[in-house]
Amino acid sequence: MYLDTDRIVTMTAANQNFSAVARQTDQCGKSVIFKNNRPKYIIIDLDGGEYLDLTEDERIDVVARRIMKRHKSAFLELAK
């Protein structure tokens, strides 16, 4: 994975000033948060359009599928 050093943020900096990370993400499209000197998290601007080009209904379907997968046993029990 290619990382632009301008997009790298430490976990400490992200915890102390998340609004600065959000501004950086708005400008660059994404930011990478490092934890223990390794890339751990990626923050992306979903409104940028290049990462997720989904309609609102498609986004709802994705979230619903995740919820169903995580809580399948509970839904099966409720269906009885």
PDB file of N, CA and C in Angstrom:
ATOM      1  N   MET A   1       0.849  -1.174   0.000  1.00  0.00           N
ATOM      2  CA  MET A   1       0.000   0.000   0.000  1.00  0.00           C
ATOM      3  C   MET A   1       0.894   1.236   0.000  1.00  0.00           C
ATOM      4  N   TYR A   2       0.630   2.136  -0.917  1.00  0.00           N
ATOM      5  CA  TYR A   2       1.375   3.383  -1.012  1.00  0.00           C
ATOM      6  C   TYR A   2       0.761   4.403  -0.068  1.00  0.00           C
ATOM      7  N   LEU A   3       1.596   5.018   0.774  1.00  0.00           N
ATOM      8  CA  LEU A   3       1.117   6.015   1.727  1.00  0.00           C
ATOM      9  C   LEU A   3       1.815   7.346   1.481  1.00  0.00           C
ATOM     10  N   ASP A   4       1.032   8.372   1.310  1.00  0.00           N
ATOM     11  CA  ASP A   4       1.561   9.725   1.223  1.00  0.00           C
ATOM     12  C   ASP A   4       1.829  10.185   2.650  1.00  0.00           C
ATOM     13  N   THR A   5       3.044  10.607   2.936  1.00  0.00           N
ATOM     14  CA  THR A   5       3.405  10.974   4.303  1.00  0.00           C
ATOM     15  C   THR A   5       2.597  12.160   4.830  1.00  0.00           C
ATOM     16  N   ASP A   6       2.023  12.960   3.927  1.00  0.00           N
ATOM     17  CA  ASP A   6       1.186  14.074   4.376  1.00  0.00           C
ATOM     18  C   ASP A   6      -0.144  13.588   4.948  1.00  0.00           C
ATOM     19  N   ARG A   7      -0.502  12.364   4.668  1.00  0.00           N
ATOM     20  CA  ARG A   7      -1.781  11.823   5.128  1.00  0.00           C
ATOM     21  C   ARG A   7      -1.654  10.971   6.386  1.00  0.00           C
ATOM     22  N   ILE A   8      -0.454  10.826   6.916  1.00  0.00           N
ATOM     23  CA  ILE A   8      -0.216   9.995   8.092  1.00  0.00           C
ATOM     24  C   ILE A   8      -0.438  10.809   9.361  1.00  0.00           C
ATOM     25  N   VAL A   9      -1.166  10.215  10.298  1.00  0.00           N
ATOM     26  CA  VAL A   9      -1.451  10.837  11.590  1.00  0.00           C
ATOM     27  C   VAL A   9      -1.173   9.797  12.663  1.00  0.00           C
ATOM     28  N   THR A  10      -0.582  10.214  13.762  1.00  0.00           N
ATOM     29  CA  THR A  10      -0.372   9.278  14.867  1.00  0.00           C
ATOM     30  C   THR A  10      -1.667   9.112  15.650  1.00  0.00           C
ATOM     31  N   MET A  11      -1.785   8.010  16.349  1.00  0.00           N
ATOM     32  CA  MET A  11      -2.960   7.759  17.174  1.00  0.00           C
ATOM     33  C   MET A  11      -3.101   8.834  18.240  1.00  0.00           C
ATOM     34  N   THR A  12      -1.995   9.258  18.816  1.00  0.00           N
ATOM     35  CA  THR A  12      -2.027  10.300  19.841  1.00  0.00           C
ATOM     36  C   THR A  12      -2.575  11.604  19.268  1.00  0.00           C
ATOM     37  N   ALA A  13      -2.091  11.986  18.089  1.00  0.00           N
ATOM     38  CA  ALA A  13      -2.565  13.222  17.458  1.00  0.00           C
ATOM     39  C   ALA A  13      -4.041  13.120  17.107  1.00  0.00           C
ATOM     40  N   ALA A  14      -4.478  11.962  16.644  1.00  0.00           N
ATOM     41  CA  ALA A  14      -5.887  11.773  16.304  1.00  0.00           C
ATOM     42  C   ALA A  14      -6.768  11.870  17.543  1.00  0.00           C
ATOM     43  N   ASN A  15      -6.297  11.309  18.653  1.00  0.00           N
ATOM     44  CA  ASN A  15      -7.061  11.385  19.905  1.00  0.00           C
ATOM     45  C   ASN A  15      -7.132  12.809  20.434  1.00  0.00           C
ATOM     46  N   GLN A  16      -6.050  13.541  20.319  1.00  0.00           N
ATOM     47  CA  GLN A  16      -5.996  14.880  20.885  1.00  0.00           C
ATOM     48  C   GLN A  16      -6.683  15.929  20.024  1.00  0.00           C
ATOM     49  N   ASN A  17      -6.715  15.721  18.707  1.00  0.00           N
ATOM     50  CA  ASN A  17      -7.280  16.749  17.831  1.00  0.00           C
ATOM     51  C   ASN A  17      -7.919  16.100  16.603  1.00  0.00           C
ATOM     52  N   PHE A  18      -9.030  15.403  16.815  1.00  0.00           N
ATOM     53  CA  PHE A  18      -9.685  14.706  15.716  1.00  0.00           C
ATOM     54  C   PHE A  18     -10.208  15.672  14.665  1.00  0.00           C
ATOM     55  N   SER A  19     -10.588  16.870  15.066  1.00  0.00           N
ATOM     56  CA  SER A  19     -11.101  17.829  14.080  1.00  0.00           C
ATOM     57  C   SER A  19     -10.024  18.195  13.058  1.00  0.00           C
ATOM     58  N   ALA A  20      -8.756  18.234  13.475  1.00  0.00           N
ATOM     59  CA  ALA A  20      -7.670  18.496  12.528  1.00  0.00           C
ATOM     60  C   ALA A  20      -7.518  17.330  11.549  1.00  0.00           C
ATOM     61  N   VAL A  21      -7.696  16.114  12.042  1.00  0.00           N
ATOM     62  CA  VAL A  21      -7.640  14.937  11.171  1.00  0.00           C
ATOM     63  C   VAL A  21      -8.796  14.977  10.182  1.00  0.00           C
ATOM     64  N   ALA A  22      -9.972  15.378  10.643  1.00  0.00           N
ATOM     65  CA  ALA A  22     -11.129  15.479   9.755  1.00  0.00           C
ATOM     66  C   ALA A  22     -10.898  16.539   8.679  1.00  0.00           C
ATOM     67  N   ARG A  23     -10.317  17.666   9.042  1.00  0.00           N
ATOM     68  CA  ARG A  23     -10.001  18.705   8.047  1.00  0.00           C
ATOM     69  C   ARG A  23      -8.997  18.188   7.025  1.00  0.00           C
ATOM     70  N   GLN A  24      -7.985  17.488   7.509  1.00  0.00           N
ATOM     71  CA  GLN A  24      -6.980  16.915   6.613  1.00  0.00           C
ATOM     72  C   GLN A  24      -7.639  15.916   5.661  1.00  0.00           C
ATOM     73  N   THR A  25      -8.549  15.123   6.170  1.00  0.00           N
ATOM     74  CA  THR A  25      -9.262  14.152   5.351  1.00  0.00           C
ATOM     75  C   THR A  25     -10.125  14.858   4.322  1.00  0.00           C
ATOM     76  N   ASP A  26     -10.744  15.961   4.701  1.00  0.00           N
ATOM     77  CA  ASP A  26     -11.532  16.745   3.744  1.00  0.00           C
ATOM     78  C   ASP A  26     -10.657  17.244   2.595  1.00  0.00           C
ATOM     79  N   GLN A  27      -9.442  17.647   2.910  1.00  0.00           N
ATOM     80  CA  GLN A  27      -8.543  18.189   1.888  1.00  0.00           C
ATOM     81  C   GLN A  27      -7.926  17.095   1.019  1.00  0.00           C
ATOM     82  N   CYS A  28      -7.516  15.998   1.626  1.00  0.00           N
ATOM     83  CA  CYS A  28      -6.774  14.957   0.910  1.00  0.00           C
ATOM     84  C   CYS A  28      -7.640  13.786   0.442  1.00  0.00           C
ATOM     85  N   GLY A  29      -8.820  13.634   1.010  1.00  0.00           N
ATOM     86  CA  GLY A  29      -9.676  12.507   0.651  1.00  0.00           C
ATOM     87  C   GLY A  29      -9.555  11.332   1.590  1.00  0.00           C
ATOM     88  N   LYS A  30      -8.374  11.157   2.202  1.00  0.00           N
ATOM     89  CA  LYS A  30      -8.209  10.098   3.192  1.00  0.00           C
ATOM     90  C   LYS A  30      -7.041  10.425   4.109  1.00  0.00           C
ATOM     91  N   SER A  31      -7.067   9.831   5.289  1.00  0.00           N
ATOM     92  CA  SER A  31      -5.983   9.953   6.257  1.00  0.00           C
ATOM     93  C   SER A  31      -5.719   8.567   6.824  1.00  0.00           C
ATOM     94  N   VAL A  32      -4.460   8.300   7.162  1.00  0.00           N
ATOM     95  CA  VAL A  32      -4.083   7.013   7.731  1.00  0.00           C
ATOM     96  C   VAL A  32      -3.589   7.254   9.147  1.00  0.00           C
ATOM     97  N   ILE A  33      -4.189   6.555  10.100  1.00  0.00           N
ATOM     98  CA  ILE A  33      -3.783   6.683  11.499  1.00  0.00           C
ATOM     99  C   ILE A  33      -2.856   5.524  11.834  1.00  0.00           C
ATOM    100  N   PHE A  34      -1.687   5.878  12.352  1.00  0.00           N
ATOM    101  CA  PHE A  34      -0.702   4.883  12.748  1.00  0.00           C
ATOM    102  C   PHE A  34      -0.822   4.595  14.238  1.00  0.00           C
ATOM    103  N   LYS A  35      -0.717   3.332  14.599  1.00  0.00           N
ATOM    104  CA  LYS A  35      -0.682   2.925  15.997  1.00  0.00           C
ATOM    105  C   LYS A  35       0.527   2.011  16.160  1.00  0.00           C
ATOM    106  N   ASN A  36       1.379   2.321  17.108  1.00  0.00           N
ATOM    107  CA  ASN A  36       2.622   1.573  17.325  1.00  0.00           C
ATOM    108  C   ASN A  36       3.470   1.519  16.052  1.00  0.00           C
ATOM    109  N   ASN A  37       3.574   2.652  15.391  1.00  0.00           N
ATOM    110  CA  ASN A  37       4.393   2.816  14.183  1.00  0.00           C
ATOM    111  C   ASN A  37       3.955   1.947  13.006  1.00  0.00           C
ATOM    112  N   ARG A  38       2.693   1.573  12.979  1.00  0.00           N
ATOM    113  CA  ARG A  38       2.150   0.789  11.873  1.00  0.00           C
ATOM    114  C   ARG A  38       0.803   1.365  11.465  1.00  0.00           C
ATOM    115  N   PRO A  39       0.480   1.309  10.181  1.00  0.00           N
ATOM    116  CA  PRO A  39      -0.852   1.777   9.766  1.00  0.00           C
ATOM    117  C   PRO A  39      -1.928   0.902  10.376  1.00  0.00           C
ATOM    118  N   LYS A  40      -2.906   1.525  11.020  1.00  0.00           N
ATOM    119  CA  LYS A  40      -3.953   0.779  11.720  1.00  0.00           C
ATOM    120  C   LYS A  40      -5.336   1.122  11.175  1.00  0.00           C
ATOM    121  N   TYR A  41      -5.595   2.394  10.908  1.00  0.00           N
ATOM    122  CA  TYR A  41      -6.918   2.828  10.481  1.00  0.00           C
ATOM    123  C   TYR A  41      -6.814   3.759   9.279  1.00  0.00           C
ATOM    124  N   ILE A  42      -7.830   3.706   8.429  1.00  0.00           N
ATOM    125  CA  ILE A  42      -7.944   4.648   7.325  1.00  0.00           C
ATOM    126  C   ILE A  42      -9.250   5.400   7.497  1.00  0.00           C
ATOM    127  N   ILE A  43      -9.175   6.701   7.428  1.00  0.00           N
ATOM    128  CA  ILE A  43     -10.369   7.546   7.466  1.00  0.00           C
ATOM    129  C   ILE A  43     -10.558   8.083   6.064  1.00  0.00           C
ATOM    130  N   ILE A  44     -11.749   7.895   5.508  1.00  0.00           N
ATOM    131  CA  ILE A  44     -12.004   8.365   4.150  1.00  0.00           C
ATOM    132  C   ILE A  44     -13.194   9.315   4.138  1.00  0.00           C
ATOM    133  N   ASP A  45     -13.176  10.216   3.188  1.00  0.00           N
ATOM    134  CA  ASP A  45     -14.283  11.143   2.982  1.00  0.00           C
ATOM    135  C   ASP A  45     -15.285  10.450   2.064  1.00  0.00           C
ATOM    136  N   LEU A  46     -16.388   9.995   2.615  1.00  0.00           N
ATOM    137  CA  LEU A  46     -17.384   9.265   1.833  1.00  0.00           C
ATOM    138  C   LEU A  46     -18.070  10.142   0.806  1.00  0.00           C
ATOM    139  N   ASP A  47     -18.100  11.433   1.037  1.00  0.00           N
ATOM    140  CA  ASP A  47     -18.725  12.337   0.069  1.00  0.00           C
ATOM    141  C   ASP A  47     -17.832  12.574  -1.141  1.00  0.00           C
ATOM    142  N   GLY A  48     -16.569  12.162  -1.051  1.00  0.00           N
ATOM    143  CA  GLY A  48     -15.651  12.323  -2.167  1.00  0.00           C
ATOM    144  C   GLY A  48     -16.077  11.535  -3.391  1.00  0.00           C
ATOM    145  N   GLY A  49     -16.820  10.465  -3.178  1.00  0.00           N
ATOM    146  CA  GLY A  49     -17.397   9.716  -4.272  1.00  0.00           C
ATOM    147  C   GLY A  49     -16.512   8.655  -4.885  1.00  0.00           C
ATOM    148  N   GLU A  50     -15.201   8.752  -4.718  1.00  0.00           N
ATOM    149  CA  GLU A  50     -14.346   7.779  -5.374  1.00  0.00           C
ATOM    150  C   GLU A  50     -14.265   6.457  -4.613  1.00  0.00           C
ATOM    151  N   TYR A  51     -14.607   6.450  -3.342  1.00  0.00           N
ATOM    152  CA  TYR A  51     -14.496   5.234  -2.547  1.00  0.00           C
ATOM    153  C   TYR A  51     -15.780   4.424  -2.568  1.00  0.00           C
ATOM    154  N   LEU A  52     -16.879   5.079  -2.334  1.00  0.00           N
ATOM    155  CA  LEU A  52     -18.171   4.409  -2.338  1.00  0.00           C
ATOM    156  C   LEU A  52     -19.122   5.193  -3.220  1.00  0.00           C
ATOM    157  N   ASP A  53     -19.419   4.644  -4.359  1.00  0.00           N
ATOM    158  CA  ASP A  53     -20.354   5.291  -5.263  1.00  0.00           C
ATOM    159  C   ASP A  53     -21.670   4.529  -5.192  1.00  0.00           C
ATOM    160  N   LEU A  54     -22.354   4.685  -4.061  1.00  0.00           N
ATOM    161  CA  LEU A  54     -23.591   3.968  -3.814  1.00  0.00           C
ATOM    162  C   LEU A  54     -24.753   4.935  -3.657  1.00  0.00           C
ATOM    163  N   THR A  55     -25.923   4.479  -4.067  1.00  0.00           N
ATOM    164  CA  THR A  55     -27.116   5.268  -3.802  1.00  0.00           C
ATOM    165  C   THR A  55     -27.469   5.116  -2.327  1.00  0.00           C
ATOM    166  N   GLU A  56     -28.369   5.933  -1.855  1.00  0.00           N
ATOM    167  CA  GLU A  56     -28.781   5.856  -0.453  1.00  0.00           C
ATOM    168  C   GLU A  56     -29.399   4.491  -0.141  1.00  0.00           C
ATOM    169  N   ASP A  57     -30.202   3.961  -1.061  1.00  0.00           N
ATOM    170  CA  ASP A  57     -30.801   2.636  -0.852  1.00  0.00           C
ATOM    171  C   ASP A  57     -29.740   1.541  -0.785  1.00  0.00           C
ATOM    172  N   GLU A  58     -28.707   1.653  -1.612  1.00  0.00           N
ATOM    173  CA  GLU A  58     -27.635   0.656  -1.586  1.00  0.00           C
ATOM    174  C   GLU A  58     -26.852   0.728  -0.277  1.00  0.00           C
ATOM    175  N   ARG A  59     -26.643   1.924   0.231  1.00  0.00           N
ATOM    176  CA  ARG A  59     -25.959   2.061   1.522  1.00  0.00           C
ATOM    177  C   ARG A  59     -26.776   1.424   2.634  1.00  0.00           C
ATOM    178  N   ILE A  60     -28.084   1.619   2.598  1.00  0.00           N
ATOM    179  CA  ILE A  60     -28.961   1.016   3.601  1.00  0.00           C
ATOM    180  C   ILE A  60     -28.890  -0.502   3.507  1.00  0.00           C
ATOM    181  N   ASP A  61     -28.863  -1.039   2.288  1.00  0.00           N
ATOM    182  CA  ASP A  61     -28.753  -2.485   2.108  1.00  0.00           C
ATOM    183  C   ASP A  61     -27.457  -3.032   2.692  1.00  0.00           C
ATOM    184  N   VAL A  62     -26.361  -2.309   2.502  1.00  0.00           N
ATOM    185  CA  VAL A  62     -25.071  -2.743   3.038  1.00  0.00           C
ATOM    186  C   VAL A  62     -25.117  -2.782   4.565  1.00  0.00           C
ATOM    187  N   VAL A  63     -25.643  -1.747   5.159  1.00  0.00           N
ATOM    188  CA  VAL A  63     -25.725  -1.688   6.620  1.00  0.00           C
ATOM    189  C   VAL A  63     -26.664  -2.771   7.147  1.00  0.00           C
ATOM    190  N   ALA A  64     -27.799  -2.959   6.491  1.00  0.00           N
ATOM    191  CA  ALA A  64     -28.755  -3.986   6.919  1.00  0.00           C
ATOM    192  C   ALA A  64     -28.127  -5.373   6.844  1.00  0.00           C
ATOM    193  N   ARG A  65     -27.372  -5.634   5.797  1.00  0.00           N
ATOM    194  CA  ARG A  65     -26.701  -6.923   5.652  1.00  0.00           C
ATOM    195  C   ARG A  65     -25.698  -7.147   6.774  1.00  0.00           C
ATOM    196  N   ARG A  66     -24.968  -6.104   7.138  1.00  0.00           N
ATOM    197  CA  ARG A  66     -24.009  -6.223   8.242  1.00  0.00           C
ATOM    198  C   ARG A  66     -24.719  -6.532   9.555  1.00  0.00           C
ATOM    199  N   ILE A  67     -25.800  -5.830   9.810  1.00  0.00           N
ATOM    200  CA  ILE A  67     -26.548  -6.052  11.050  1.00  0.00           C
ATOM    201  C   ILE A  67     -27.091  -7.474  11.089  1.00  0.00           C
ATOM    202  N   MET A  68     -27.651  -7.929   9.974  1.00  0.00           N
ATOM    203  CA  MET A  68     -28.194  -9.292   9.919  1.00  0.00           C
ATOM    204  C   MET A  68     -27.093 -10.325  10.159  1.00  0.00           C
ATOM    205  N   LYS A  69     -25.931 -10.104   9.595  1.00  0.00           N
ATOM    206  CA  LYS A  69     -24.831 -11.053   9.749  1.00  0.00           C
ATOM    207  C   LYS A  69     -24.347 -11.094  11.200  1.00  0.00           C
ATOM    208  N   ARG A  70     -24.196  -9.941  11.812  1.00  0.00           N
ATOM    209  CA  ARG A  70     -23.694  -9.874  13.188  1.00  0.00           C
ATOM    210  C   ARG A  70     -24.674 -10.468  14.196  1.00  0.00           C
ATOM    211  N   HIS A  71     -25.952 -10.276  13.956  1.00  0.00           N
ATOM    212  CA  HIS A  71     -26.967 -10.661  14.944  1.00  0.00           C
ATOM    213  C   HIS A  71     -27.894 -11.743  14.412  1.00  0.00           C
ATOM    214  N   LYS A  72     -27.373 -12.609  13.544  1.00  0.00           N
ATOM    215  CA  LYS A  72     -28.197 -13.641  12.908  1.00  0.00           C
ATOM    216  C   LYS A  72     -28.876 -14.534  13.936  1.00  0.00           C
ATOM    217  N   SER A  73     -28.145 -14.961  14.946  1.00  0.00           N
ATOM    218  CA  SER A  73     -28.744 -15.856  15.949  1.00  0.00           C
ATOM    219  C   SER A  73     -29.909 -15.197  16.677  1.00  0.00           C
ATOM    220  N   ALA A  74     -29.782 -13.919  16.984  1.00  0.00           N
ATOM    221  CA  ALA A  74     -30.879 -13.210  17.660  1.00  0.00           C
ATOM    222  C   ALA A  74     -32.093 -13.095  16.752  1.00  0.00           C
ATOM    223  N   PHE A  75     -31.875 -12.803  15.475  1.00  0.00           N
ATOM    224  CA  PHE A  75     -33.001 -12.712  14.543  1.00  0.00           C
ATOM    225  C   PHE A  75     -33.672 -14.065  14.338  1.00  0.00           C
ATOM    226  N   LEU A  76     -32.876 -15.141  14.303  1.00  0.00           N
ATOM    227  CA  LEU A  76     -33.461 -16.471  14.181  1.00  0.00           C
ATOM    228  C   LEU A  76     -34.294 -16.832  15.401  1.00  0.00           C
ATOM    229  N   GLU A  77     -33.814 -16.424  16.561  1.00  0.00           N
ATOM    230  CA  GLU A  77     -34.586 -16.688  17.788  1.00  0.00           C
ATOM    231  C   GLU A  77     -35.873 -15.888  17.806  1.00  0.00           C
ATOM    232  N   LEU A  78     -35.825 -14.655  17.350  1.00  0.00           N
ATOM    233  CA  LEU A  78     -37.037 -13.828  17.309  1.00  0.00           C
ATOM    234  C   LEU A  78     -38.034 -14.346  16.282  1.00  0.00           C
ATOM    235  N   ALA A  79     -37.547 -15.013  15.257  1.00  0.00           N
ATOM    236  CA  ALA A  79     -38.424 -15.507  14.200  1.00  0.00           C
ATOM    237  C   ALA A  79     -39.223 -16.738  14.632  1.00  0.00           C
ATOM    238  N   LYS A  80     -38.881 -17.366  15.721  1.00  0.00           N
ATOM    239  CA  LYS A  80     -39.589 -18.561  16.196  1.00  0.00           C
ATOM    240  C   LYS A  80     -40.973 -18.243  16.703  1.00  0.00           C
TER     241      LYS A  80
END
